[in-house]
């Protein structure tokens, strides 16, 4: 009897293996619709004899528009159990450079809740390889929860809520700030899981090390903290939970550093949007949808990113030579490549992106524009309601200098401070230039040497500014002489 039973199981295993192999071969040559039709009715037939219930949690909701929060929460919950029972794991960097382990594709593990055993598995659909009858599909991952049908109420009423609570707590513990950037536009089919790419964001800037007036700094910090705690208030007034900040000032005044300080203060991710890499307004909306809560959307040098007033197109049309026009007419492929490589984002599309209906798809977001020339921006782009707070980052003041002296030299006072105070009030110098002067260039340089270097640079900058003013303003007798000659 044992030998007969063993032979039966061996035969069954061989039969199943043969069936799976044949099915894998046949499905490559089946039309795509027929292949899906067979799978659908096979699942229905199997459900009549199955005593277990399966719940799926997909990575993307809708038409792959947004990554599911439920999927990310389940992933975080299972990461705590994966290292103990799963055989195939994937590792990612978490908070404080700790490795966070989670299930790899096609892995299965068991969990227990109030004495009931359940099974989680991670699967994926689609493939980057097509067949002769259909195009490849983008890969989509999903978690499956299987349990006996006798425990339906316990799982749906209690266990799933427990998974969500524990998963959210795990995400907070292991969350690592990230810096994201958008990839250039691409055509379907695409096998990327997101339109954003990211790296770990470990910029050390804080508001304590930021070189600016302490009163102004405190005002900005209070505004940010108030925003982060105002979900109910924004709901009450019927406004999307977002806030716009316009950072403007000369180059080297600390605009990018302030963004890093904001991210660290609120523990938000940063999404650095490169407008020139966005194909059109539709792609711009898709990028916005993929930005989660607790994020900072940044468009740096907005005045240089795109010409959003339509003048760019006119200038290009006027500057094209007749030979170029003839060449493009002869070569339509070259013209198509040129059209695809240029961005067709419009001012209207950008306005709807930051303040239209699509901007309400999510919450707790900051939108930050930076510019060196605020006067060049379209008034519609920076009106109140879109850019709620204007922050001018100007030349270095004495208060900002003291912050830099504390950061770089670890001093709060020095006899040279009075001289520097007098010179810095008369000189237009950026915090970046002051910081470079204060940074020791060798081990032998002490604080006094660095301060003397700064004094010398301030004097030279002041003298250069005086010479420039003298050249711009002609002497009074010369101007009178010029006027007299013009009359005759």
Protein backbone atom coordinates (compact mmCIF):
# COMPACT_ATOMS: atom_id res chain seq x y z
CA UNK A 1 0.00 0.00 0.00
CA UNK A 2 2.71 2.60 0.81
CA UNK A 3 4.46 1.84 -2.45
CA UNK A 4 1.19 2.19 -4.37
CA UNK A 5 0.39 5.50 -2.64
CA UNK A 6 3.91 6.80 -3.30
CA UNK A 7 3.65 5.87 -6.95
CA UNK A 8 0.27 7.62 -7.15
CA UNK A 9 1.67 10.88 -5.70
CA UNK A 10 4.72 10.68 -7.95
CA UNK A 11 2.48 10.18 -10.98
CA UNK A 12 0.26 13.09 -9.91
CA UNK A 13 3.27 15.36 -9.46
CA UNK A 14 4.61 14.44 -12.88
CA UNK A 15 1.22 15.06 -14.46
CA UNK A 16 0.89 18.49 -12.85
CA UNK A 17 4.41 19.47 -13.84
CA UNK A 18 3.73 18.38 -17.41
CA UNK A 19 0.46 20.33 -17.47
CA UNK A 20 2.11 23.50 -16.18
CA UNK A 21 4.91 23.18 -18.73
CA UNK A 22 2.46 22.65 -21.60
CA UNK A 23 0.29 25.56 -20.44
CA UNK A 24 3.33 27.87 -20.29
CA UNK A 25 4.19 26.91 -23.86
CA UNK A 26 0.64 27.14 -25.23
CA UNK A 27 -0.15 30.54 -23.68
CA UNK A 28 2.66 32.13 -25.69
CA UNK A 29 0.75 31.38 -28.90
CA UNK A 30 -2.80 32.02 -27.71
CA UNK A 31 -4.47 35.31 -28.63
CA UNK A 32 -4.45 37.66 -25.65
CA UNK A 33 -8.27 37.81 -25.27
CA UNK A 34 -8.65 34.01 -25.40
CA UNK A 35 -5.87 33.61 -22.86
CA UNK A 36 -7.66 35.96 -20.40
CA UNK A 37 -11.01 34.23 -21.09
CA UNK A 38 -9.62 30.79 -20.16
CA UNK A 39 -8.02 32.09 -16.98
CA UNK A 40 -11.24 33.82 -15.88
CA UNK A 41 -13.42 30.72 -16.16
CA UNK A 42 -10.73 28.48 -14.67
CA UNK A 43 -10.77 30.67 -11.56
CA UNK A 44 -14.58 30.45 -11.38
CA UNK A 45 -14.52 26.68 -11.70
CA UNK A 46 -11.86 26.39 -9.01
CA UNK A 47 -13.85 28.59 -6.58
CA UNK A 48 -16.69 26.02 -6.38
CA UNK A 49 -14.40 23.43 -4.81
CA UNK A 50 -12.23 25.83 -2.78
CA UNK A 51 -12.87 26.26 0.95
CA UNK A 52 -10.65 29.36 1.25
CA UNK A 53 -11.33 33.02 0.57
CA UNK A 54 -8.73 35.25 -1.11
CA UNK A 55 -8.44 39.05 -0.78
CA UNK A 56 -6.12 40.90 -3.17
CA UNK A 57 -4.41 44.24 -2.51
CA UNK A 58 -3.06 45.71 -5.75
CA UNK A 59 -0.11 48.08 -5.98
CA UNK A 60 -1.86 50.57 -8.24
CA UNK A 61 -5.45 51.74 -8.18
CA UNK A 62 -7.50 52.75 -11.20
CA UNK A 63 -5.65 52.97 -14.51
CA UNK A 64 -2.22 52.85 -12.81
CA UNK A 65 -2.66 56.47 -11.76
CA UNK A 66 -1.65 56.25 -8.12
CA UNK A 67 0.19 53.78 -5.90
CA UNK A 68 -2.15 52.25 -3.35
CA UNK A 69 -1.69 53.32 0.28
CA UNK A 70 -3.18 49.97 1.34
CA UNK A 71 -0.50 48.11 -0.62
CA UNK A 72 2.31 50.12 0.98
CA UNK A 73 0.80 49.57 4.44
CA UNK A 74 0.51 45.79 3.95
CA UNK A 75 4.09 45.74 2.68
CA UNK A 76 5.26 47.52 5.85
CA UNK A 77 3.26 45.17 8.08
CA UNK A 78 4.64 42.03 6.44
CA UNK A 79 8.22 43.30 6.58
CA UNK A 80 8.25 42.61 10.35
CA UNK A 81 7.35 38.91 9.80
CA UNK A 82 9.26 38.34 6.56
CA UNK A 83 12.68 38.04 8.18
CA UNK A 84 11.42 35.26 10.47
CA UNK A 85 9.57 32.97 8.08
CA UNK A 86 10.06 33.95 4.41
CA UNK A 87 12.79 32.26 2.35
CA UNK A 88 13.18 34.90 -0.40
CA UNK A 89 13.59 38.48 0.81
CA UNK A 90 14.43 41.89 -0.61
CA UNK A 91 16.23 44.57 1.41
CA UNK A 92 15.85 48.35 1.33
CA UNK A 93 17.53 51.11 3.30
CA UNK A 94 15.39 52.51 6.11
CA UNK A 95 15.78 55.13 8.80
CA UNK A 96 19.26 55.46 10.33
CA UNK A 97 20.71 53.35 7.49
CA UNK A 98 19.06 50.18 8.82
CA UNK A 99 18.05 47.48 6.33
CA UNK A 100 14.32 46.79 6.12
CA UNK A 101 13.47 43.30 4.84
CA UNK A 102 10.29 42.44 2.95
CA UNK A 103 8.89 39.61 0.82
CA UNK A 104 10.26 39.09 -2.65
CA UNK A 105 8.09 38.31 -5.68
CA UNK A 106 6.21 34.98 -5.63
CA UNK A 107 7.01 34.42 -1.94
CA UNK A 108 4.48 33.12 0.63
CA UNK A 109 4.37 33.38 4.41
CA UNK A 110 1.94 32.54 7.21
CA UNK A 111 0.55 34.85 9.88
CA UNK A 112 -1.59 34.17 12.95
CA UNK A 113 -4.32 36.31 14.53
CA UNK A 114 -6.33 35.23 17.58
CA UNK A 115 -5.47 31.60 16.92
CA UNK A 116 -6.48 31.76 13.23
CA UNK A 117 -3.85 31.06 10.61
CA UNK A 118 -3.78 33.06 7.37
CA UNK A 119 -1.41 33.11 4.39
CA UNK A 120 0.04 36.11 2.53
CA UNK A 121 1.65 35.87 -0.90
CA UNK A 122 3.19 38.43 -3.27
CA UNK A 123 2.47 37.90 -6.97
CA UNK A 124 2.69 39.92 -10.15
CA UNK A 125 0.90 40.03 -13.47
CA UNK A 126 2.11 41.16 -16.87
CA UNK A 127 5.50 40.72 -18.43
CA UNK A 128 8.05 42.76 -20.30
CA UNK A 129 8.08 40.01 -22.96
CA UNK A 130 5.26 39.81 -25.46
CA UNK A 131 4.09 37.12 -27.80
CA UNK A 132 3.39 37.07 -31.50
CA UNK A 133 -0.28 37.96 -30.85
CA UNK A 134 -0.23 40.65 -28.16
CA UNK A 135 1.89 43.42 -26.72
CA UNK A 136 3.68 43.05 -23.39
CA UNK A 137 1.90 44.33 -20.30
CA UNK A 138 3.43 46.51 -17.59
CA UNK A 139 4.17 44.42 -14.50
CA UNK A 140 1.67 44.90 -11.65
CA UNK A 141 2.26 43.50 -8.17
CA UNK A 142 -0.39 42.52 -5.64
CA UNK A 143 -0.62 40.88 -2.22
CA UNK A 144 -3.07 38.01 -1.70
CA UNK A 145 -4.51 37.13 1.70
CA UNK A 146 -5.95 33.59 1.92
CA UNK A 147 -7.96 32.21 4.87
CA UNK A 148 -10.64 29.63 5.58
CA UNK A 149 -14.17 30.82 4.84
CA UNK A 150 -15.30 30.00 8.43
CA UNK A 151 -13.29 33.02 9.65
CA UNK A 152 -14.61 35.60 7.19
CA UNK A 153 -16.07 37.93 9.85
CA UNK A 154 -12.99 37.81 12.08
CA UNK A 155 -10.66 38.62 9.19
CA UNK A 156 -12.75 41.37 7.60
CA UNK A 157 -13.90 43.01 10.85
CA UNK A 158 -10.78 42.76 13.02
CA UNK A 159 -7.68 41.39 11.32
CA UNK A 160 -7.56 43.77 8.35
CA UNK A 161 -7.91 46.79 10.67
CA UNK A 162 -5.09 45.40 12.81
CA UNK A 163 -2.88 45.03 9.73
CA UNK A 164 -3.54 48.65 8.70
CA UNK A 165 -2.71 50.03 12.17
CA UNK A 166 0.47 48.01 12.57
CA UNK A 167 1.56 48.70 9.00
CA UNK A 168 1.17 52.47 9.36
CA UNK A 169 3.15 52.43 12.61
CA UNK A 170 5.90 50.42 10.89
CA UNK A 171 6.03 52.88 7.99
CA UNK A 172 6.54 55.76 10.41
CA UNK A 173 9.34 53.91 12.24
CA UNK A 174 11.23 52.94 9.09
CA UNK A 175 10.45 55.94 6.90
CA UNK A 176 13.46 57.45 5.13
CA UNK A 177 13.26 60.88 3.50
CA UNK A 178 13.76 60.70 -0.25
CA UNK A 179 14.56 63.11 -3.05
CA UNK A 180 12.57 62.37 -6.20
CA UNK A 181 12.96 63.55 -9.77
CA UNK A 182 10.77 62.95 -12.80
CA UNK A 183 12.01 60.89 -15.73
CA UNK A 184 11.70 62.15 -19.32
CA UNK A 185 8.44 61.39 -21.11
CA UNK A 186 8.01 57.95 -22.59
CA UNK A 187 5.51 56.10 -24.74
CA UNK A 188 3.39 53.08 -23.87
CA UNK A 189 4.19 50.37 -23.13
CA UNK A 190 6.31 51.37 -20.16
CA UNK A 191 7.59 48.95 -17.55
CA UNK A 192 8.42 51.50 -14.89
CA UNK A 193 6.42 51.27 -11.68
CA UNK A 194 6.50 55.04 -11.20
CA UNK A 195 7.12 58.18 -13.22
CA UNK A 196 9.45 59.34 -10.43
CA UNK A 197 12.94 58.12 -9.56
CA UNK A 198 14.41 58.68 -6.10
CA UNK A 199 17.47 58.56 -3.89
CA UNK A 200 17.81 58.78 -0.11
CA UNK A 201 17.77 62.45 0.95
CA UNK A 202 20.19 63.14 3.78
CA UNK A 203 20.84 66.87 3.41
CA UNK A 204 22.13 68.16 6.78
CA UNK A 205 20.58 71.65 6.57
CA UNK A 206 18.29 72.76 9.41
CA UNK A 207 16.67 76.04 10.35
CA UNK A 208 19.23 76.34 13.15
CA UNK A 209 22.07 76.39 10.61
CA UNK A 210 20.21 78.53 8.05
CA UNK A 211 21.84 81.96 7.63
CA UNK A 212 19.02 84.49 7.89
CA UNK A 213 17.39 86.87 10.34
CA UNK A 214 16.20 84.97 13.46
CA UNK A 215 12.85 86.79 13.60
CA UNK A 216 12.09 85.96 9.98
CA UNK A 217 13.25 82.40 10.53
CA UNK A 218 10.90 81.93 13.50
CA UNK A 219 8.00 83.31 11.47
CA UNK A 220 8.60 80.77 8.68
CA UNK A 221 8.96 77.84 11.11
CA UNK A 222 5.68 78.75 12.85
CA UNK A 223 3.91 79.01 9.49
CA UNK A 224 5.14 75.56 8.44
CA UNK A 225 4.22 73.88 11.72
CA UNK A 226 0.78 75.47 11.67
CA UNK A 227 0.18 74.16 8.15
CA UNK A 228 1.22 70.60 9.08
CA UNK A 229 -1.38 70.52 11.88
CA UNK A 230 -4.28 72.17 10.01
CA UNK A 231 -6.00 69.28 8.25
CA UNK A 232 -9.34 69.89 9.98
CA UNK A 233 -9.12 73.63 9.39
CA UNK A 234 -8.57 73.23 5.63
CA UNK A 235 -11.50 70.80 5.51
CA UNK A 236 -13.72 73.28 7.36
CA UNK A 237 -12.98 76.16 4.98
CA UNK A 238 -13.36 73.91 1.91
CA UNK A 239 -9.80 74.25 0.63
CA UNK A 240 -7.30 71.66 -0.54
CA UNK A 241 -4.67 70.95 2.12
CA UNK A 242 -1.72 72.52 0.34
CA UNK A 243 0.33 75.70 0.62
CA UNK A 244 2.50 77.54 -1.87
CA UNK A 245 5.84 79.21 -1.09
CA UNK A 246 7.72 81.53 -3.42
CA UNK A 247 11.43 81.79 -2.61
CA UNK A 248 13.11 84.62 -4.48
CA UNK A 249 16.40 86.45 -4.32
CA UNK A 250 19.86 86.62 -5.93
CA UNK A 251 21.87 83.43 -6.56
CA UNK A 252 23.69 82.11 -3.51
CA UNK A 253 21.22 83.38 -0.93
CA UNK A 254 20.13 79.93 0.29
CA UNK A 255 16.92 79.04 -1.56
CA UNK A 256 17.79 75.38 -2.09
CA UNK A 257 19.17 75.14 1.45
CA UNK A 258 15.86 76.41 2.82
CA UNK A 259 13.98 73.68 0.93
CA UNK A 260 16.22 71.06 2.55
CA UNK A 261 15.62 72.65 5.98
CA UNK A 262 11.83 72.57 5.42
CA UNK A 263 12.00 68.87 4.46
CA UNK A 264 13.94 68.06 7.61
CA UNK A 265 11.67 70.12 9.87
CA UNK A 266 8.46 68.46 8.64
CA UNK A 267 10.00 65.10 7.66
CA UNK A 268 8.58 65.41 4.12
CA UNK A 269 9.85 63.90 0.88
CA UNK A 270 11.04 66.30 -1.84
CA UNK A 271 9.79 66.00 -5.43
CA UNK A 272 12.05 68.07 -7.69
CA UNK A 273 10.04 68.63 -10.88
CA UNK A 274 12.03 69.29 -14.06
CA UNK A 275 9.47 70.95 -16.33
CA UNK A 276 11.57 70.66 -19.48
CA UNK A 277 11.38 66.85 -19.16
CA UNK A 278 7.55 66.86 -19.08
CA UNK A 279 6.02 66.09 -22.46
CA UNK A 280 2.66 67.84 -22.08
CA UNK A 281 -0.09 68.89 -19.66
CA UNK A 282 -1.48 65.35 -19.41
CA UNK A 283 1.86 63.97 -18.25
CA UNK A 284 2.11 66.86 -15.78
CA UNK A 285 -1.18 65.80 -14.17
CA UNK A 286 -0.04 62.17 -13.94
CA UNK A 287 3.10 63.28 -12.15
CA UNK A 288 1.02 65.24 -9.64
CA UNK A 289 -1.25 62.26 -8.94
CA UNK A 290 1.74 60.07 -8.04
CA UNK A 291 2.96 62.53 -5.39
CA UNK A 292 1.83 61.22 -1.96
CA UNK A 293 0.92 63.19 1.14
CA UNK A 294 3.66 64.76 3.29
CA UNK A 295 5.59 65.95 0.25
CA UNK A 296 7.24 69.10 -1.06
CA UNK A 297 6.86 69.74 -4.79
CA UNK A 298 9.74 71.94 -5.95
CA UNK A 299 10.18 73.78 -9.25
CA UNK A 300 13.53 75.56 -9.08
CA UNK A 301 14.30 78.58 -11.29
CA UNK A 302 10.74 78.64 -12.57
CA UNK A 303 11.53 81.65 -14.75
CA UNK A 304 14.12 79.56 -16.65
CA UNK A 305 12.30 76.21 -16.74
CA UNK A 306 9.97 77.02 -19.65
CA UNK A 307 8.73 80.02 -21.54
CA UNK A 308 5.11 79.71 -20.48
CA UNK A 309 3.79 82.86 -22.17
CA UNK A 310 3.97 81.58 -25.74
CA UNK A 311 6.87 83.82 -26.72
CA UNK A 312 9.22 80.85 -27.05
CA UNK A 313 7.31 79.50 -30.02
CA UNK A 314 7.21 82.89 -31.75
CA UNK A 315 10.94 83.41 -31.28
CA UNK A 316 11.72 80.00 -32.70
CA UNK A 317 9.50 80.57 -35.70
CA UNK A 318 11.10 83.93 -36.46
CA UNK A 319 14.64 82.57 -36.07
CA UNK A 320 14.23 79.61 -38.43
CA UNK A 321 16.00 80.06 -41.76
CA UNK A 322 14.35 79.19 -45.05
CA UNK A 323 16.84 76.35 -45.50
CA UNK A 324 15.81 74.81 -42.20
CA UNK A 325 12.14 74.99 -43.17
CA UNK A 326 12.84 73.23 -46.46
CA UNK A 327 14.91 70.56 -44.72
CA UNK A 328 12.13 69.83 -42.21
CA UNK A 329 9.60 69.54 -45.02
CA UNK A 330 11.84 67.07 -46.80
CA UNK A 331 12.51 65.06 -43.64
CA UNK A 332 9.26 64.54 -41.65
CA UNK A 333 10.99 62.08 -39.29
CA UNK A 334 13.42 64.77 -38.12
CA UNK A 335 10.49 67.15 -37.58
CA UNK A 336 8.65 64.52 -35.52
CA UNK A 337 11.72 63.87 -33.34
CA UNK A 338 12.09 67.61 -32.77
CA UNK A 339 8.44 67.96 -31.74
CA UNK A 340 8.69 65.01 -29.34
CA UNK A 341 11.86 66.34 -27.70
CA UNK A 342 10.30 69.71 -26.84
CA UNK A 343 7.94 70.23 -23.94
CA UNK A 344 4.38 71.32 -24.68
CA UNK A 345 3.48 72.33 -21.13
CA UNK A 346 1.46 75.56 -21.15
CA UNK A 347 0.88 78.24 -18.56
CA UNK A 348 -2.75 77.15 -18.27
CA UNK A 349 -1.66 73.55 -17.67
CA UNK A 350 0.77 74.60 -14.96
CA UNK A 351 -1.85 76.77 -13.24
CA UNK A 352 -4.32 73.89 -13.20
CA UNK A 353 -1.54 71.65 -11.94
CA UNK A 354 -0.90 73.75 -8.83
CA UNK A 355 -4.38 75.15 -8.15
CA UNK A 356 -6.97 73.29 -10.25
CA UNK A 357 -9.22 70.33 -9.62
CA UNK A 358 -6.36 67.83 -9.87
CA UNK A 359 -4.42 69.61 -7.13
CA UNK A 360 -7.00 68.35 -4.61
CA UNK A 361 -6.07 64.69 -5.32
CA UNK A 362 -4.04 64.34 -2.14
CA UNK A 363 -3.21 66.46 0.86
CA UNK A 364 -0.51 67.86 3.10
CA UNK A 365 1.61 69.13 0.22
CA UNK A 366 3.87 72.15 -0.09
CA UNK A 367 4.45 73.68 -3.52
CA UNK A 368 7.68 75.67 -3.69
CA UNK A 369 8.84 77.88 -6.57
CA UNK A 370 12.29 79.45 -6.61
CA UNK A 371 13.48 82.28 -8.85
CA UNK A 372 16.27 84.79 -9.08
CA UNK A 373 14.07 87.30 -10.93
CA UNK A 374 10.58 87.48 -9.49
CA UNK A 375 9.64 90.34 -11.81
CA UNK A 376 9.87 87.99 -14.81
CA UNK A 377 7.09 85.69 -13.59
CA UNK A 378 3.54 85.90 -14.85
CA UNK A 379 1.32 87.50 -12.16
CA UNK A 380 -1.24 84.70 -12.58
CA UNK A 381 1.41 82.16 -11.57
CA UNK A 382 2.30 83.75 -8.24
CA UNK A 383 -0.97 85.31 -7.12
CA UNK A 384 -2.22 84.67 -3.58
CA UNK A 385 -3.91 81.31 -3.36
CA UNK A 386 -1.27 79.74 -5.55
CA UNK A 387 1.79 81.13 -3.84
CA UNK A 388 0.47 81.86 -0.34
CA UNK A 389 3.71 83.10 1.21
CA UNK A 390 6.54 85.10 -0.36
CA UNK A 391 9.97 84.65 1.21
CA UNK A 392 12.73 86.98 0.08
CA UNK A 393 16.23 85.62 0.57
CA UNK A 394 18.52 88.59 0.12
CA UNK A 395 22.15 89.49 0.73
CA UNK A 396 23.88 88.57 3.96
CA UNK A 397 23.02 90.64 7.01
CA UNK A 398 24.99 90.83 10.24
CA UNK A 399 22.52 88.49 11.97
CA UNK A 400 22.96 85.94 9.19
CA UNK A 401 26.75 86.35 9.48
CA UNK A 402 26.62 85.48 13.18
CA UNK A 403 24.81 82.24 12.34
CA UNK A 404 27.52 81.38 9.81
CA UNK A 405 30.29 82.25 12.28
CA UNK A 406 28.70 79.89 14.80
CA UNK A 407 28.38 77.13 12.18
CA UNK A 408 31.84 77.39 10.65
CA UNK A 409 34.03 78.76 13.45
CA UNK A 410 32.02 77.85 16.58
CA UNK A 411 32.25 81.39 17.97
CA UNK A 412 29.52 83.80 19.10
CA UNK A 413 31.66 86.92 19.50
CA UNK A 414 35.04 88.35 18.46
CA UNK A 415 36.69 91.82 18.41
CA UNK A 416 36.45 91.83 14.60
CA UNK A 417 32.65 91.48 14.72
CA UNK A 418 32.21 95.26 15.03
CA UNK A 419 34.28 95.91 11.90
CA UNK A 420 32.41 93.21 10.01
CA UNK A 421 29.08 94.63 11.16
CA UNK A 422 29.94 98.02 9.69
CA UNK A 423 31.26 96.60 6.42
CA UNK A 424 28.54 94.01 5.81
CA UNK A 425 25.78 96.62 6.15
CA UNK A 426 27.43 98.62 3.33
CA UNK A 427 28.23 95.65 1.05
CA UNK A 428 26.03 93.41 -1.08
CA UNK A 429 27.48 89.94 -0.49
CA UNK A 430 25.65 86.64 -0.50
CA UNK A 431 25.64 84.16 2.41
CA UNK A 432 27.39 81.66 0.09
CA UNK A 433 30.34 84.04 -0.39
CA UNK A 434 30.53 84.75 3.34
CA UNK A 435 30.45 81.03 4.14
CA UNK A 436 33.28 80.36 1.69
CA UNK A 437 35.39 83.06 3.36
CA UNK A 438 34.77 81.63 6.83
CA UNK A 439 35.64 78.06 5.91
CA UNK A 440 39.22 77.22 7.00
CA UNK A 441 41.43 76.36 4.02
CA UNK A 442 44.01 74.51 6.09
CA UNK A 443 44.43 73.00 9.55
CA UNK A 444 46.60 75.93 10.66
CA UNK A 445 43.93 78.57 10.00
CA UNK A 446 42.14 79.70 13.14
CA UNK A 447 38.98 81.77 13.61
CA UNK A 448 40.78 85.12 13.54
CA UNK A 449 42.49 84.32 10.24
CA UNK A 450 39.15 83.42 8.65
CA UNK A 451 37.55 86.62 9.97
CA UNK A 452 40.42 88.70 8.60
CA UNK A 453 39.92 87.05 5.21
CA UNK A 454 36.26 88.04 5.34
CA UNK A 455 37.13 91.65 6.29
CA UNK A 456 39.48 91.86 3.29
CA UNK A 457 36.84 90.47 0.93
CA UNK A 458 34.20 92.86 2.26
CA UNK A 459 36.54 95.85 1.74
CA UNK A 460 37.33 94.75 -1.82
CA UNK A 461 33.65 94.24 -2.62
CA UNK A 462 32.83 97.66 -1.18
CA UNK A 463 35.55 99.35 -3.24
CA UNK A 464 34.41 97.55 -6.40
CA UNK A 465 30.83 98.68 -5.81
CA UNK A 466 32.01 102.28 -5.33
CA UNK A 467 33.98 102.21 -8.61
CA UNK A 468 30.98 100.82 -10.45
CA UNK A 469 28.76 103.60 -9.13
CA UNK A 470 31.25 106.23 -10.19
CA UNK A 471 31.29 104.88 -13.74
CA UNK A 472 27.50 104.89 -13.97
CA UNK A 473 27.06 108.49 -12.68
CA UNK A 474 28.84 111.11 -14.85
CA UNK A 475 30.18 114.23 -13.18
CA UNK A 476 27.90 117.26 -13.04
CA UNK A 477 30.08 119.52 -15.24
CA UNK A 478 30.36 116.83 -17.94
CA UNK A 479 26.60 116.38 -18.04
CA UNK A 480 26.11 120.14 -18.35
CA UNK A 481 28.68 120.26 -21.15
CA UNK A 482 26.89 117.46 -22.98
CA UNK A 483 23.58 119.30 -22.68
CA UNK A 484 25.14 122.52 -23.99
CA UNK A 485 26.66 120.79 -27.02
CA UNK A 486 23.34 119.15 -27.78
CA UNK A 487 21.61 122.57 -27.98
CA UNK A 488 24.09 123.89 -30.52
